Amino acid sequence: MRIYNPANPGMDYVALSAGDLVRACTQTGDAAAWEEFIRRFHRLIASVVLRVARRWGESSRQVIDDLVQDTYLKLCADECRLLRVFKARNPEAFYAYLKVVTANLVHDHYKGTHSAKRGAGVAEVPVDPNLASAVDPHDAEAAAKGGERQILLREMDDLLRKVAQGPNFKRDRRVFWLYYRAGLTASSIAALPTIELSTKGVESTISRLTRLLREEVAKGQGLPAQRQRESEGI
């Protein structure tokens, strides 16, 4: 195992093994580490998304690109929980793990979509057993404690859908949550091929949506008083 120094801005992430690179991403949050993660694993993620989506009869390039972006968002959610639980057993183990996780996330998307159609818009997406078995059972307590925050995030997302309209809404919404919820830097987000924005473009998008959201919250109509106080961190 190669030892890396989180405080070393000159770290050569290209030279790290897959397992060490994942640890560097989750422990340091260094933009250079994430850029190397995207460079190294994007083709794998995109190919798995494409293959699984086609099994569900998907043919839209835009939908597939959206699913790739959503996969990154879910990989980084909850302080990169899906990445943190990975334990390297051999040099190729992470590639296999990433394939399974990505495929399960896409399957869950379509299960939820089909469930919503059957349930008149109300869907409860089941947790894939392969993903559930990969999560430490002690995370259940932390998940319960995070319930209130999850409610806040859903409410904030509803407001975001209200104030941020336009042809690029889906992309801009993902940029917003990749930054605030997943913790990726603007340069890391810009490195995603499906985003198609420069680092400055990402920063501008985040600034604009943050301003619109704060203005809406300030009206006192968007969130309950307690939620408004909790949202001040955004």
Protein backbone atom coordinates (compact mmCIF):
# COMPACT_ATOMS: atom_id res chain seq x y z
CA MET A 1 0.00 0.00 0.00
CA ARG A 2 1.42 3.38 -0.99
CA ILE A 3 1.36 5.94 1.84
CA TYR A 4 0.03 9.36 0.89
CA ASN A 5 0.10 12.60 2.84
CA PRO A 6 -3.31 14.36 2.84
CA ALA A 7 -1.56 17.70 3.44
CA ASN A 8 0.74 17.29 0.44
CA PRO A 9 -0.66 19.34 -2.47
CA GLY A 10 1.87 17.79 -4.82
CA MET A 11 0.74 14.23 -4.28
CA ASP A 12 0.95 12.11 -7.44
CA TYR A 13 -2.51 10.55 -7.41
CA VAL A 14 -1.92 8.94 -10.81
CA ALA A 15 0.59 6.60 -9.16
CA LEU A 16 -1.83 5.38 -6.47
CA SER A 17 -3.57 2.02 -6.59
CA ALA A 18 -7.35 2.07 -7.01
CA GLY A 19 -7.88 1.40 -3.30
CA ASP A 20 -5.46 4.12 -2.20
CA LEU A 21 -7.00 6.59 -4.66
CA VAL A 22 -10.48 5.92 -3.26
CA ARG A 23 -9.17 6.51 0.26
CA ALA A 24 -7.52 9.72 -0.85
CA CYS A 25 -10.80 10.94 -2.35
CA THR A 26 -12.90 10.10 0.70
CA GLN A 27 -10.39 11.21 3.34
CA THR A 28 -8.89 14.35 1.81
CA GLY A 29 -11.51 15.64 -0.62
CA ASP A 30 -8.62 16.92 -2.73
CA ALA A 31 -9.84 18.14 -6.14
CA ALA A 32 -6.80 16.55 -7.81
CA ALA A 33 -7.71 13.18 -6.31
CA TRP A 34 -11.27 13.42 -7.59
CA GLU A 35 -10.09 14.48 -11.02
CA GLU A 36 -7.90 11.36 -11.15
CA PHE A 37 -10.86 9.26 -9.94
CA ILE A 38 -12.98 10.60 -12.79
CA ARG A 39 -10.19 10.15 -15.34
CA ARG A 40 -9.60 6.57 -14.23
CA PHE A 41 -13.15 5.33 -13.67
CA HIS A 42 -15.48 7.44 -15.83
CA ARG A 43 -15.37 5.12 -18.83
CA LEU A 44 -16.23 2.15 -16.62
CA ILE A 45 -19.13 3.97 -14.94
CA ALA A 46 -20.51 5.27 -18.25
CA SER A 47 -20.28 1.85 -19.94
CA VAL A 48 -22.10 0.09 -17.08
CA VAL A 49 -24.82 2.76 -17.02
CA LEU A 50 -25.27 2.43 -20.78
CA ARG A 51 -25.45 -1.37 -20.68
CA VAL A 52 -27.96 -1.51 -17.81
CA ALA A 53 -30.09 1.32 -19.19
CA ARG A 54 -30.37 -0.46 -22.53
CA ARG A 55 -31.53 -3.60 -20.75
CA TRP A 56 -34.42 -1.50 -19.47
CA GLY A 57 -35.16 -0.36 -23.02
CA GLU A 58 -33.60 3.09 -22.65
CA SER A 59 -32.41 4.71 -25.88
CA SER A 60 -32.18 8.42 -24.97
CA ARG A 61 -28.60 9.68 -24.84
CA GLN A 62 -29.70 12.53 -22.56
CA VAL A 63 -31.30 10.15 -20.06
CA ILE A 64 -28.17 8.00 -20.02
CA ASP A 65 -25.96 11.07 -19.43
CA ASP A 66 -28.31 12.09 -16.60
CA LEU A 67 -27.95 8.62 -15.06
CA VAL A 68 -24.15 8.91 -15.21
CA GLN A 69 -24.32 12.22 -13.34
CA ASP A 70 -26.76 10.75 -10.82
CA THR A 71 -24.40 7.84 -10.25
CA TYR A 72 -21.59 10.20 -9.27
CA LEU A 73 -23.98 12.03 -6.95
CA LYS A 74 -25.04 8.81 -5.23
CA LEU A 75 -21.45 7.55 -4.96
CA CYS A 76 -20.56 10.76 -3.13
CA ALA A 77 -23.70 10.98 -0.97
CA ASP A 78 -23.53 10.64 2.82
CA GLU A 79 -19.85 11.57 2.85
CA CYS A 80 -19.07 8.99 0.16
CA ARG A 81 -20.51 6.11 2.16
CA LEU A 82 -20.61 3.72 -0.81
CA LEU A 83 -16.92 4.39 -1.41
CA ARG A 84 -15.92 4.35 2.25
CA VAL A 85 -17.33 0.88 2.86
CA PHE A 86 -15.14 -0.62 0.14
CA LYS A 87 -12.36 -2.86 1.47
CA ALA A 88 -9.62 -3.76 -1.00
CA ARG A 89 -8.88 -7.49 -1.31
CA ASN A 90 -6.79 -7.34 -4.47
CA PRO A 91 -5.72 -4.69 -7.02
CA GLU A 92 -8.75 -5.32 -9.25
CA ALA A 93 -11.34 -5.50 -6.46
CA PHE A 94 -12.51 -1.88 -6.73
CA TYR A 95 -13.28 -2.19 -10.44
CA ALA A 96 -15.59 -5.13 -9.72
CA TYR A 97 -17.16 -3.31 -6.77
CA LEU A 98 -17.75 -0.16 -8.83
CA LYS A 99 -19.42 -2.20 -11.58
CA VAL A 100 -21.83 -3.79 -9.10
CA VAL A 101 -22.63 -0.53 -7.31
CA THR A 102 -23.18 1.39 -10.56
CA ALA A 103 -25.39 -1.34 -12.04
CA ASN A 104 -27.47 -1.52 -8.84
CA LEU A 105 -27.97 2.25 -8.76
CA VAL A 106 -29.24 2.25 -12.34
CA HIS A 107 -31.49 -0.75 -11.70
CA ASP A 108 -32.91 1.06 -8.66
CA HIS A 109 -33.64 4.11 -10.81
CA TYR A 110 -35.75 2.08 -13.23
CA LYS A 111 -37.40 0.07 -10.48
CA GLY A 112 -38.43 3.36 -8.92
CA THR A 113 -39.66 4.72 -12.23
CA HIS A 114 -41.78 1.64 -12.94
CA SER A 115 -43.04 1.59 -9.36
CA ALA A 116 -44.07 5.24 -9.67
CA LYS A 117 -46.06 4.50 -12.80
CA ARG A 118 -47.90 1.66 -11.07
CA GLY A 119 -48.43 3.65 -7.89
CA ALA A 120 -49.71 6.86 -9.45
CA GLY A 121 -46.50 8.74 -8.74
CA VAL A 122 -45.70 7.42 -5.27
CA ALA A 123 -42.63 5.19 -5.33
CA GLU A 124 -40.64 3.58 -2.56
CA VAL A 125 -37.43 2.42 -4.19
CA PRO A 126 -36.20 -0.81 -2.59
CA VAL A 127 -32.61 -1.04 -1.40
CA ASP A 128 -30.72 -3.53 -3.52
CA PRO A 129 -29.53 -6.42 -1.34
CA ASN A 130 -26.05 -6.25 -2.84
CA LEU A 131 -25.75 -2.64 -1.72
CA ALA A 132 -27.36 -3.26 1.64
CA SER A 133 -24.92 -6.03 2.45
CA ALA A 134 -22.02 -3.71 1.71
CA VAL A 135 -23.07 -1.16 4.33
CA ASP A 136 -21.88 -1.42 7.91
CA PRO A 137 -24.93 -2.22 10.12
CA HIS A 138 -23.72 0.42 12.58
CA ASP A 139 -24.57 3.00 9.91
CA ALA A 140 -28.25 2.47 10.77
CA GLU A 141 -27.95 4.62 13.88
CA ALA A 142 -26.22 7.38 11.95
CA ALA A 143 -28.88 7.15 9.25
CA ALA A 144 -31.62 7.59 11.85
CA LYS A 145 -29.88 10.65 13.23
CA GLY A 146 -29.63 12.02 9.73
CA GLY A 147 -33.35 11.67 9.11
CA GLU A 148 -34.08 15.30 9.84
CA ARG A 149 -31.35 16.42 7.48
CA GLN A 150 -32.76 14.18 4.75
CA ILE A 151 -36.14 15.87 5.18
CA LEU A 152 -34.45 19.27 4.95
CA LEU A 153 -32.59 18.25 1.80
CA ARG A 154 -35.83 17.08 0.16
CA GLU A 155 -37.50 20.36 1.04
CA MET A 156 -34.54 22.32 -0.29
CA ASP A 157 -34.65 20.29 -3.49
CA ASP A 158 -38.34 21.10 -3.91
CA LEU A 159 -37.49 24.80 -3.60
CA LEU A 160 -34.62 24.39 -6.04
CA ARG A 161 -37.01 22.93 -8.60
CA LYS A 162 -39.28 25.94 -8.04
CA VAL A 163 -36.72 28.72 -8.43
CA ALA A 164 -34.33 27.26 -11.00
CA GLN A 165 -36.02 26.70 -14.32
CA GLY A 166 -34.67 26.59 -17.85
CA PRO A 167 -33.29 24.17 -20.43
CA ASN A 168 -30.24 23.34 -18.28
CA PHE A 169 -32.14 22.78 -15.03
CA LYS A 170 -31.30 19.08 -14.66
CA ARG A 171 -27.60 19.69 -15.16
CA ASP A 172 -27.56 22.74 -12.89
CA ARG A 173 -29.42 20.88 -10.14
CA ARG A 174 -26.86 18.09 -10.22
CA VAL A 175 -24.02 20.61 -10.11
CA PHE A 176 -25.62 22.19 -7.03
CA TRP A 177 -25.97 18.89 -5.16
CA LEU A 178 -22.60 17.51 -6.26
CA TYR A 179 -21.11 20.60 -4.63
CA TYR A 180 -23.26 20.95 -1.49
CA ARG A 181 -24.32 17.38 -0.78
CA ALA A 182 -21.54 15.28 -2.26
CA GLY A 183 -18.78 17.74 -1.39
CA LEU A 184 -17.04 17.78 -4.77
CA THR A 185 -15.08 20.90 -5.66
CA ALA A 186 -16.00 23.05 -8.65
CA SER A 187 -12.96 21.81 -10.57
CA SER A 188 -13.85 18.17 -9.85
CA ILE A 189 -17.42 18.73 -11.05
CA ALA A 190 -16.14 20.45 -14.19
CA ALA A 191 -13.97 17.39 -14.87
CA LEU A 192 -17.11 15.27 -15.37
CA PRO A 193 -17.48 14.87 -19.15
CA THR A 194 -21.28 15.00 -18.96
CA ILE A 195 -21.35 18.39 -17.19
CA GLU A 196 -19.80 20.33 -20.09
CA LEU A 197 -18.95 23.39 -18.01
CA SER A 198 -15.63 25.01 -17.14
CA THR A 199 -14.66 25.42 -13.49
CA LYS A 200 -15.78 29.05 -13.69
CA GLY A 201 -19.05 27.93 -15.25
CA VAL A 202 -19.63 25.51 -12.37
CA GLU A 203 -18.82 28.21 -9.81
CA SER A 204 -21.21 30.62 -11.55
CA THR A 205 -24.00 28.02 -11.55
CA ILE A 206 -23.52 27.26 -7.85
CA SER A 207 -23.46 30.97 -6.96
CA ARG A 208 -26.61 31.69 -8.97
CA LEU A 209 -28.63 28.80 -7.55
CA THR A 210 -27.46 29.51 -4.01
CA ARG A 211 -28.57 33.12 -4.34
CA LEU A 212 -31.98 32.14 -5.75
CA LEU A 213 -32.49 29.57 -3.02
CA ARG A 214 -31.54 31.96 -0.22
CA GLU A 215 -33.87 34.61 -1.63
CA GLU A 216 -36.73 32.11 -1.64
CA VAL A 217 -35.99 30.96 1.90
CA ALA A 218 -35.73 34.59 3.06
CA LYS A 219 -39.31 35.18 1.95
CA GLY A 220 -40.38 32.96 4.84
CA GLN A 221 -42.68 30.99 2.56
CA GLY A 222 -40.49 28.14 1.42
CA LEU A 223 -39.51 26.32 4.63
CA PRO A 224 -40.79 26.13 8.21
CA ALA A 225 -38.90 28.42 10.62
CA GLN A 226 -36.75 25.61 12.02
CA ARG A 227 -35.84 24.44 8.53
CA GLN A 228 -34.88 28.01 7.58
CA ARG A 229 -32.38 28.10 10.43
CA GLU A 230 -30.97 24.71 9.47
CA SER A 231 -30.63 25.75 5.83
CA GLU A 232 -28.32 28.64 6.68
CA GLY A 233 -25.41 26.29 6.12
CA ILE A 234 -26.20 26.25 2.40
